[in-house]
PDB file of N, CA and C in Angstrom:
ATOM      1  N   MET A   1     -14.767  25.963  45.560  1.00  0.00           N
ATOM      2  CA  MET A   1     -13.650  25.759  44.661  1.00  0.00           C
ATOM      3  C   MET A   1     -12.905  24.511  45.121  1.00  0.00           C
ATOM      4  N   LYS A   2     -12.422  23.777  44.137  1.00  0.00           N
ATOM      5  CA  LYS A   2     -11.643  22.582  44.429  1.00  0.00           C
ATOM      6  C   LYS A   2     -10.372  22.622  43.583  1.00  0.00           C
ATOM      7  N   ILE A   3      -9.234  22.400  44.230  1.00  0.00           N
ATOM      8  CA  ILE A   3      -7.944  22.349  43.548  1.00  0.00           C
ATOM      9  C   ILE A   3      -7.439  20.918  43.631  1.00  0.00           C
ATOM     10  N   SER A   4      -7.058  20.338  42.492  1.00  0.00           N
ATOM     11  CA  SER A   4      -6.546  18.971  42.504  1.00  0.00           C
ATOM     12  C   SER A   4      -5.348  18.853  41.557  1.00  0.00           C
ATOM     13  N   TYR A   5      -4.470  17.924  41.901  1.00  0.00           N
ATOM     14  CA  TYR A   5      -3.273  17.675  41.097  1.00  0.00           C
ATOM     15  C   TYR A   5      -3.500  16.457  40.206  1.00  0.00           C
ATOM     16  N   VAL A   6      -2.943  16.503  39.009  1.00  0.00           N
ATOM     17  CA  VAL A   6      -3.016  15.380  38.085  1.00  0.00           C
ATOM     18  C   VAL A   6      -1.952  14.369  38.521  1.00  0.00           C
ATOM     19  N   PRO A   7      -2.360  13.131  38.818  1.00  0.00           N
ATOM     20  CA  PRO A   7      -1.390  12.127  39.266  1.00  0.00           C
ATOM     21  C   PRO A   7      -0.253  11.931  38.270  1.00  0.00           C
ATOM     22  N   GLY A   8       0.960  11.911  38.777  1.00  0.00           N
ATOM     23  CA  GLY A   8       2.143  11.663  37.959  1.00  0.00           C
ATOM     24  C   GLY A   8       2.722  12.878  37.259  1.00  0.00           C
ATOM     25  N   ALA A   9       2.017  13.993  37.278  1.00  0.00           N
ATOM     26  CA  ALA A   9       2.525  15.199  36.606  1.00  0.00           C
ATOM     27  C   ALA A   9       3.443  15.977  37.549  1.00  0.00           C
ATOM     28  N   ASP A  10       4.530  16.498  37.017  1.00  0.00           N
ATOM     29  CA  ASP A  10       5.468  17.292  37.808  1.00  0.00           C
ATOM     30  C   ASP A  10       4.852  18.628  38.186  1.00  0.00           C
ATOM     31  N   LEU A  11       5.131  19.070  39.412  1.00  0.00           N
ATOM     32  CA  LEU A  11       4.678  20.380  39.868  1.00  0.00           C
ATOM     33  C   LEU A  11       5.496  21.474  39.198  1.00  0.00           C
ATOM     34  N   ARG A  12       4.911  22.652  39.080  1.00  0.00           N
ATOM     35  CA  ARG A  12       5.658  23.829  38.638  1.00  0.00           C
ATOM     36  C   ARG A  12       6.531  24.295  39.792  1.00  0.00           C
ATOM     37  N   ASP A  13       7.610  24.973  39.476  1.00  0.00           N
ATOM     38  CA  ASP A  13       8.478  25.533  40.512  1.00  0.00           C
ATOM     39  C   ASP A  13       7.741  26.561  41.359  1.00  0.00           C
ATOM     40  N   ASP A  14       6.774  27.258  40.759  1.00  0.00           N
ATOM     41  CA  ASP A  14       6.035  28.299  41.462  1.00  0.00           C
ATOM     42  C   ASP A  14       4.651  27.821  41.953  1.00  0.00           C
ATOM     43  N   ASP A  15       4.495  26.522  42.128  1.00  0.00           N
ATOM     44  CA  ASP A  15       3.205  25.945  42.512  1.00  0.00           C
ATOM     45  C   ASP A  15       2.643  26.541  43.803  1.00  0.00           C
ATOM     46  N   ALA A  16       3.454  26.676  44.824  1.00  0.00           N
ATOM     47  CA  ALA A  16       2.956  27.197  46.110  1.00  0.00           C
ATOM     48  C   ALA A  16       2.369  28.597  45.949  1.00  0.00           C
ATOM     49  N   ALA A  17       3.013  29.443  45.177  1.00  0.00           N
ATOM     50  CA  ALA A  17       2.509  30.800  44.944  1.00  0.00           C
ATOM     51  C   ALA A  17       1.214  30.775  44.145  1.00  0.00           C
ATOM     52  N   ILE A  18       1.116  29.868  43.185  1.00  0.00           N
ATOM     53  CA  ILE A  18      -0.096  29.738  42.380  1.00  0.00           C
ATOM     54  C   ILE A  18      -1.271  29.335  43.260  1.00  0.00           C
ATOM     55  N   VAL A  19      -1.089  28.289  44.054  1.00  0.00           N
ATOM     56  CA  VAL A  19      -2.170  27.789  44.903  1.00  0.00           C
ATOM     57  C   VAL A  19      -2.593  28.847  45.919  1.00  0.00           C
ATOM     58  N   LYS A  20      -1.633  29.545  46.487  1.00  0.00           N
ATOM     59  CA  LYS A  20      -1.954  30.596  47.456  1.00  0.00           C
ATOM     60  C   LYS A  20      -2.799  31.689  46.806  1.00  0.00           C
ATOM     61  N   ALA A  21      -2.416  32.127  45.611  1.00  0.00           N
ATOM     62  CA  ALA A  21      -3.149  33.183  44.912  1.00  0.00           C
ATOM     63  C   ALA A  21      -4.545  32.716  44.513  1.00  0.00           C
ATOM     64  N   VAL A  22      -4.654  31.491  44.017  1.00  0.00           N
ATOM     65  CA  VAL A  22      -5.949  30.966  43.588  1.00  0.00           C
ATOM     66  C   VAL A  22      -6.895  30.825  44.774  1.00  0.00           C
ATOM     67  N   ASN A  23      -6.399  30.363  45.903  1.00  0.00           N
ATOM     68  CA  ASN A  23      -7.254  30.191  47.083  1.00  0.00           C
ATOM     69  C   ASN A  23      -7.873  31.501  47.546  1.00  0.00           C
ATOM     70  N   LYS A  24      -7.237  32.611  47.274  1.00  0.00           N
ATOM     71  CA  LYS A  24      -7.782  33.922  47.654  1.00  0.00           C
ATOM     72  C   LYS A  24      -9.008  34.283  46.826  1.00  0.00           C
ATOM     73  N   GLU A  25      -9.225  33.578  45.731  1.00  0.00           N
ATOM     74  CA  GLU A  25     -10.333  33.895  44.828  1.00  0.00           C
ATOM     75  C   GLU A  25     -11.595  33.091  45.124  1.00  0.00           C
ATOM     76  N   ALA A  26     -11.585  32.280  46.184  1.00  0.00           N
ATOM     77  CA  ALA A  26     -12.783  31.511  46.541  1.00  0.00           C
ATOM     78  C   ALA A  26     -13.932  32.475  46.787  1.00  0.00           C
ATOM     79  N   PHE A  27     -15.061  32.195  46.180  1.00  0.00           N
ATOM     80  CA  PHE A  27     -16.206  33.094  46.243  1.00  0.00           C
ATOM     81  C   PHE A  27     -17.444  32.276  46.553  1.00  0.00           C
ATOM     82  N   PRO A  28     -18.065  32.522  47.716  1.00  0.00           N
ATOM     83  CA  PRO A  28     -19.265  31.755  48.024  1.00  0.00           C
ATOM     84  C   PRO A  28     -20.378  32.104  47.047  1.00  0.00           C
ATOM     85  N   GLY A  29     -21.008  31.124  46.566  1.00  0.00           N
ATOM     86  CA  GLY A  29     -22.069  31.348  45.595  1.00  0.00           C
ATOM     87  C   GLY A  29     -22.404  30.036  44.932  1.00  0.00           C
ATOM     88  N   GLY A  30     -22.939  30.102  43.782  1.00  0.00           N
ATOM     89  CA  GLY A  30     -23.320  28.880  43.097  1.00  0.00           C
ATOM     90  C   GLY A  30     -23.298  29.065  41.607  1.00  0.00           C
ATOM     91  N   GLY A  31     -23.649  28.012  40.945  1.00  0.00           N
ATOM     92  CA  GLY A  31     -23.672  28.028  39.491  1.00  0.00           C
ATOM     93  C   GLY A  31     -23.008  26.789  38.947  1.00  0.00           C
ATOM     94  N   ASN A  32     -22.725  26.819  37.672  1.00  0.00           N
ATOM     95  CA  ASN A  32     -22.072  25.688  37.023  1.00  0.00           C
ATOM     96  C   ASN A  32     -20.606  25.608  37.426  1.00  0.00           C
ATOM     97  N   THR A  33     -20.071  24.403  37.411  1.00  0.00           N
ATOM     98  CA  THR A  33     -18.654  24.196  37.693  1.00  0.00           C
ATOM     99  C   THR A  33     -17.875  24.296  36.389  1.00  0.00           C
ATOM    100  N   MET A  34     -16.828  25.107  36.404  1.00  0.00           N
ATOM    101  CA  MET A  34     -15.950  25.266  35.250  1.00  0.00           C
ATOM    102  C   MET A  34     -14.534  24.863  35.676  1.00  0.00           C
ATOM    103  N   VAL A  35     -13.834  24.203  34.795  1.00  0.00           N
ATOM    104  CA  VAL A  35     -12.517  23.653  35.115  1.00  0.00           C
ATOM    105  C   VAL A  35     -11.426  24.470  34.432  1.00  0.00           C
ATOM    106  N   ILE A  36     -10.421  24.823  35.229  1.00  0.00           N
ATOM    107  CA  ILE A  36      -9.266  25.578  34.743  1.00  0.00           C
ATOM    108  C   ILE A  36      -8.035  24.700  34.912  1.00  0.00           C
ATOM    109  N   GLY A  37      -7.342  24.433  33.821  1.00  0.00           N
ATOM    110  CA  GLY A  37      -6.119  23.645  33.869  1.00  0.00           C
ATOM    111  C   GLY A  37      -4.904  24.557  33.885  1.00  0.00           C
ATOM    112  N   VAL A  38      -3.831  24.045  34.491  1.00  0.00           N
ATOM    113  CA  VAL A  38      -2.571  24.794  34.537  1.00  0.00           C
ATOM    114  C   VAL A  38      -1.468  23.859  34.041  1.00  0.00           C
ATOM    115  N   ARG A  39      -0.691  24.337  33.104  1.00  0.00           N
ATOM    116  CA  ARG A  39       0.415  23.531  32.565  1.00  0.00           C
ATOM    117  C   ARG A  39       1.690  23.730  33.387  1.00  0.00           C
ATOM    118  N   ASN A  40       2.454  22.652  33.499  1.00  0.00           N
ATOM    119  CA  ASN A  40       3.758  22.749  34.159  1.00  0.00           C
ATOM    120  C   ASN A  40       4.806  23.190  33.134  1.00  0.00           C
ATOM    121  N   GLN A  41       6.066  23.208  33.547  1.00  0.00           N
ATOM    122  CA  GLN A  41       7.126  23.714  32.670  1.00  0.00           C
ATOM    123  C   GLN A  41       7.357  22.855  31.431  1.00  0.00           C
ATOM    124  N   VAL A  42       6.929  21.584  31.455  1.00  0.00           N
ATOM    125  CA  VAL A  42       7.115  20.731  30.275  1.00  0.00           C
ATOM    126  C   VAL A  42       5.855  20.665  29.419  1.00  0.00           C
ATOM    127  N   GLY A  43       4.828  21.452  29.776  1.00  0.00           N
ATOM    128  CA  GLY A  43       3.639  21.560  28.944  1.00  0.00           C
ATOM    129  C   GLY A  43       2.486  20.633  29.286  1.00  0.00           C
ATOM    130  N   ALA A  44       2.625  19.837  30.338  1.00  0.00           N
ATOM    131  CA  ALA A  44       1.538  18.942  30.744  1.00  0.00           C
ATOM    132  C   ALA A  44       0.632  19.638  31.755  1.00  0.00           C
ATOM    133  N   ILE A  45      -0.659  19.368  31.688  1.00  0.00           N
ATOM    134  CA  ILE A  45      -1.560  19.890  32.710  1.00  0.00           C
ATOM    135  C   ILE A  45      -1.264  19.144  34.003  1.00  0.00           C
ATOM    136  N   TYR A  46      -0.904  19.887  35.032  1.00  0.00           N
ATOM    137  CA  TYR A  46      -0.548  19.271  36.308  1.00  0.00           C
ATOM    138  C   TYR A  46      -1.541  19.625  37.414  1.00  0.00           C
ATOM    139  N   LEU A  47      -2.322  20.678  37.224  1.00  0.00           N
ATOM    140  CA  LEU A  47      -3.213  21.193  38.257  1.00  0.00           C
ATOM    141  C   LEU A  47      -4.541  21.542  37.615  1.00  0.00           C
ATOM    142  N   LYS A  48      -5.638  21.222  38.320  1.00  0.00           N
ATOM    143  CA  LYS A  48      -6.968  21.612  37.855  1.00  0.00           C
ATOM    144  C   LYS A  48      -7.690  22.330  38.984  1.00  0.00           C
ATOM    145  N   VAL A  49      -8.328  23.428  38.623  1.00  0.00           N
ATOM    146  CA  VAL A  49      -9.123  24.213  39.559  1.00  0.00           C
ATOM    147  C   VAL A  49     -10.566  24.130  39.095  1.00  0.00           C
ATOM    148  N   GLU A  50     -11.444  23.651  39.981  1.00  0.00           N
ATOM    149  CA  GLU A  50     -12.871  23.613  39.673  1.00  0.00           C
ATOM    150  C   GLU A  50     -13.512  24.814  40.345  1.00  0.00           C
ATOM    151  N   ALA A  51     -13.901  25.786  39.542  1.00  0.00           N
ATOM    152  CA  ALA A  51     -14.533  27.002  40.036  1.00  0.00           C
ATOM    153  C   ALA A  51     -16.044  26.849  39.903  1.00  0.00           C
ATOM    154  N   VAL A  52     -16.773  27.204  40.968  1.00  0.00           N
ATOM    155  CA  VAL A  52     -18.223  27.071  40.966  1.00  0.00           C
ATOM    156  C   VAL A  52     -18.849  28.447  40.759  1.00  0.00           C
ATOM    157  N   GLY A  53     -19.506  28.614  39.644  1.00  0.00           N
ATOM    158  CA  GLY A  53     -20.153  29.883  39.329  1.00  0.00           C
ATOM    159  C   GLY A  53     -19.241  30.818  38.571  1.00  0.00           C
ATOM    160  N   LEU A  54     -19.869  31.739  37.876  1.00  0.00           N
ATOM    161  CA  LEU A  54     -19.129  32.664  37.022  1.00  0.00           C
ATOM    162  C   LEU A  54     -18.232  33.608  37.818  1.00  0.00           C
ATOM    163  N   ALA A  55     -18.697  34.072  38.982  1.00  0.00           N
ATOM    164  CA  ALA A  55     -17.891  35.010  39.773  1.00  0.00           C
ATOM    165  C   ALA A  55     -16.582  34.364  40.208  1.00  0.00           C
ATOM    166  N   GLU A  56     -16.637  33.129  40.685  1.00  0.00           N
ATOM    167  CA  GLU A  56     -15.418  32.444  41.116  1.00  0.00           C
ATOM    168  C   GLU A  56     -14.520  32.156  39.918  1.00  0.00           C
ATOM    169  N   PHE A  57     -15.112  31.708  38.810  1.00  0.00           N
ATOM    170  CA  PHE A  57     -14.357  31.432  37.591  1.00  0.00           C
ATOM    171  C   PHE A  57     -13.604  32.682  37.124  1.00  0.00           C
ATOM    172  N   MET A  58     -14.296  33.801  37.061  1.00  0.00           N
ATOM    173  CA  MET A  58     -13.660  35.040  36.612  1.00  0.00           C
ATOM    174  C   MET A  58     -12.581  35.500  37.595  1.00  0.00           C
ATOM    175  N   GLY A  59     -12.785  35.281  38.886  1.00  0.00           N
ATOM    176  CA  GLY A  59     -11.763  35.609  39.879  1.00  0.00           C
ATOM    177  C   GLY A  59     -10.490  34.814  39.660  1.00  0.00           C
ATOM    178  N   VAL A  60     -10.640  33.515  39.386  1.00  0.00           N
ATOM    179  CA  VAL A  60      -9.469  32.663  39.152  1.00  0.00           C
ATOM    180  C   VAL A  60      -8.781  33.060  37.844  1.00  0.00           C
ATOM    181  N   ILE A  61      -9.571  33.347  36.810  1.00  0.00           N
ATOM    182  CA  ILE A  61      -9.003  33.804  35.536  1.00  0.00           C
ATOM    183  C   ILE A  61      -8.171  35.069  35.761  1.00  0.00           C
ATOM    184  N   GLY A  62      -8.729  36.017  36.488  1.00  0.00           N
ATOM    185  CA  GLY A  62      -8.011  37.253  36.792  1.00  0.00           C
ATOM    186  C   GLY A  62      -6.734  37.005  37.573  1.00  0.00           C
ATOM    187  N   CYS A  63      -6.781  36.051  38.474  1.00  0.00           N
ATOM    188  CA  CYS A  63      -5.606  35.685  39.269  1.00  0.00           C
ATOM    189  C   CYS A  63      -4.468  35.232  38.345  1.00  0.00           C
ATOM    190  N   PHE A  64      -4.784  34.372  37.392  1.00  0.00           N
ATOM    191  CA  PHE A  64      -3.744  33.886  36.475  1.00  0.00           C
ATOM    192  C   PHE A  64      -3.226  34.993  35.563  1.00  0.00           C
ATOM    193  N   GLU A  65      -4.105  35.886  35.168  1.00  0.00           N
ATOM    194  CA  GLU A  65      -3.650  37.011  34.348  1.00  0.00           C
ATOM    195  C   GLU A  65      -2.688  37.903  35.130  1.00  0.00           C
ATOM    196  N   LYS A  66      -2.976  38.131  36.411  1.00  0.00           N
ATOM    197  CA  LYS A  66      -2.068  38.919  37.255  1.00  0.00           C
ATOM    198  C   LYS A  66      -0.714  38.235  37.415  1.00  0.00           C
ATOM    199  N   LEU A  67      -0.719  36.893  37.397  1.00  0.00           N
ATOM    200  CA  LEU A  67       0.521  36.132  37.517  1.00  0.00           C
ATOM    201  C   LEU A  67       1.240  35.996  36.171  1.00  0.00           C
ATOM    202  N   LYS A  68       0.728  36.680  35.138  1.00  0.00           N
ATOM    203  CA  LYS A  68       1.327  36.722  33.790  1.00  0.00           C
ATOM    204  C   LYS A  68       1.225  35.393  33.038  1.00  0.00           C
ATOM    205  N   PHE A  69       0.173  34.623  33.321  1.00  0.00           N
ATOM    206  CA  PHE A  69      -0.111  33.416  32.563  1.00  0.00           C
ATOM    207  C   PHE A  69      -1.005  33.793  31.386  1.00  0.00           C
ATOM    208  N   THR A  70      -1.009  32.968  30.352  1.00  0.00           N
ATOM    209  CA  THR A  70      -1.914  33.177  29.226  1.00  0.00           C
ATOM    210  C   THR A  70      -2.828  31.958  29.084  1.00  0.00           C
ATOM    211  N   ASP A  71      -4.043  32.226  28.637  1.00  0.00           N
ATOM    212  CA  ASP A  71      -5.043  31.179  28.455  1.00  0.00           C
ATOM    213  C   ASP A  71      -5.052  30.758  26.993  1.00  0.00           C
ATOM    214  N   GLU A  72      -4.661  29.527  26.738  1.00  0.00           N
ATOM    215  CA  GLU A  72      -4.605  29.058  25.354  1.00  0.00           C
ATOM    216  C   GLU A  72      -5.994  28.859  24.756  1.00  0.00           C
ATOM    217  N   LEU A  73      -7.042  28.848  25.566  1.00  0.00           N
ATOM    218  CA  LEU A  73      -8.398  28.680  25.062  1.00  0.00           C
ATOM    219  C   LEU A  73      -9.171  29.999  25.027  1.00  0.00           C
ATOM    220  N   GLU A  74      -8.514  31.098  25.269  1.00  0.00           N
ATOM    221  CA  GLU A  74      -9.178  32.400  25.401  1.00  0.00           C
ATOM    222  C   GLU A  74     -10.114  32.719  24.236  1.00  0.00           C
ATOM    223  N   ASP A  75      -9.709  32.484  23.032  1.00  0.00           N
ATOM    224  CA  ASP A  75     -10.520  32.836  21.874  1.00  0.00           C
ATOM    225  C   ASP A  75     -11.146  31.633  21.170  1.00  0.00           C
ATOM    226  N   SER A  76     -11.042  30.448  21.790  1.00  0.00           N
ATOM    227  CA  SER A  76     -11.510  29.244  21.092  1.00  0.00           C
ATOM    228  C   SER A  76     -13.007  28.997  21.244  1.00  0.00           C
ATOM    229  N   GLY A  77     -13.594  29.336  22.391  1.00  0.00           N
ATOM    230  CA  GLY A  77     -15.010  29.087  22.601  1.00  0.00           C
ATOM    231  C   GLY A  77     -15.362  27.639  22.849  1.00  0.00           C
ATOM    232  N   SER A  78     -14.358  26.776  22.991  1.00  0.00           N
ATOM    233  CA  SER A  78     -14.637  25.370  23.266  1.00  0.00           C
ATOM    234  C   SER A  78     -13.669  24.821  24.303  1.00  0.00           C
ATOM    235  N   MET A  79     -14.056  23.696  24.877  1.00  0.00           N
ATOM    236  CA  MET A  79     -13.235  23.052  25.902  1.00  0.00           C
ATOM    237  C   MET A  79     -12.117  22.226  25.258  1.00  0.00           C
ATOM    238  N   LYS A  80     -11.100  21.932  26.059  1.00  0.00           N
ATOM    239  CA  LYS A  80     -10.014  21.056  25.626  1.00  0.00           C
ATOM    240  C   LYS A  80      -9.541  20.280  26.847  1.00  0.00           C
ATOM    241  N   ASP A  81      -9.350  18.991  26.698  1.00  0.00           N
ATOM    242  CA  ASP A  81      -8.875  18.129  27.789  1.00  0.00           C
ATOM    243  C   ASP A  81      -9.729  18.290  29.048  1.00  0.00           C
ATOM    244  N   GLY A  82     -11.035  18.522  28.868  1.00  0.00           N
ATOM    245  CA  GLY A  82     -11.945  18.673  29.989  1.00  0.00           C
ATOM    246  C   GLY A  82     -11.856  20.009  30.705  1.00  0.00           C
ATOM    247  N   CYS A  83     -11.168  20.965  30.097  1.00  0.00           N
ATOM    248  CA  CYS A  83     -10.965  22.270  30.732  1.00  0.00           C
ATOM    249  C   CYS A  83     -11.644  23.383  29.935  1.00  0.00           C
ATOM    250  N   ASP A  84     -12.187  24.353  30.675  1.00  0.00           N
ATOM    251  CA  ASP A  84     -12.779  25.539  30.061  1.00  0.00           C
ATOM    252  C   ASP A  84     -11.721  26.604  29.781  1.00  0.00           C
ATOM    253  N   ALA A  85     -10.601  26.538  30.490  1.00  0.00           N
ATOM    254  CA  ALA A  85      -9.460  27.436  30.300  1.00  0.00           C
ATOM    255  C   ALA A  85      -8.208  26.636  30.640  1.00  0.00           C
ATOM    256  N   ILE A  86      -7.129  26.896  29.926  1.00  0.00           N
ATOM    257  CA  ILE A  86      -5.841  26.242  30.225  1.00  0.00           C
ATOM    258  C   ILE A  86      -4.766  27.323  30.222  1.00  0.00           C
ATOM    259  N   PHE A  87      -4.117  27.471  31.383  1.00  0.00           N
ATOM    260  CA  PHE A  87      -3.115  28.517  31.542  1.00  0.00           C
ATOM    261  C   PHE A  87      -1.700  27.942  31.516  1.00  0.00           C
ATOM    262  N   SER A  88      -0.807  28.705  30.909  1.00  0.00           N
ATOM    263  CA  SER A  88       0.611  28.362  30.877  1.00  0.00           C
ATOM    264  C   SER A  88       1.415  29.650  30.863  1.00  0.00           C
ATOM    265  N   LYS A  89       2.693  29.484  31.092  1.00  0.00           N
ATOM    266  CA  LYS A  89       3.598  30.631  31.145  1.00  0.00           C
ATOM    267  C   LYS A  89       4.911  30.247  30.512  1.00  0.00           C
TER     268      LYS A  89
END
């Protein structure tokens, strides 16, 4: 798993808690890389998580659901802004 920040985008107030929770979902394995975007309070994607394999991807998705985030791409079936899922709160 790789976590990266979008240059110039403001961090969320709860960024440290988000990163800590996401890091717990690292899962050794393999597969395709899927990108999860996270929006900051002004609606810009500020953080991207590259999850490798379906197990890691689903773990990160579950993490955001536990944190009460919603995925704007949940029912779309397509990518947006290079992301397979985009979470906001």
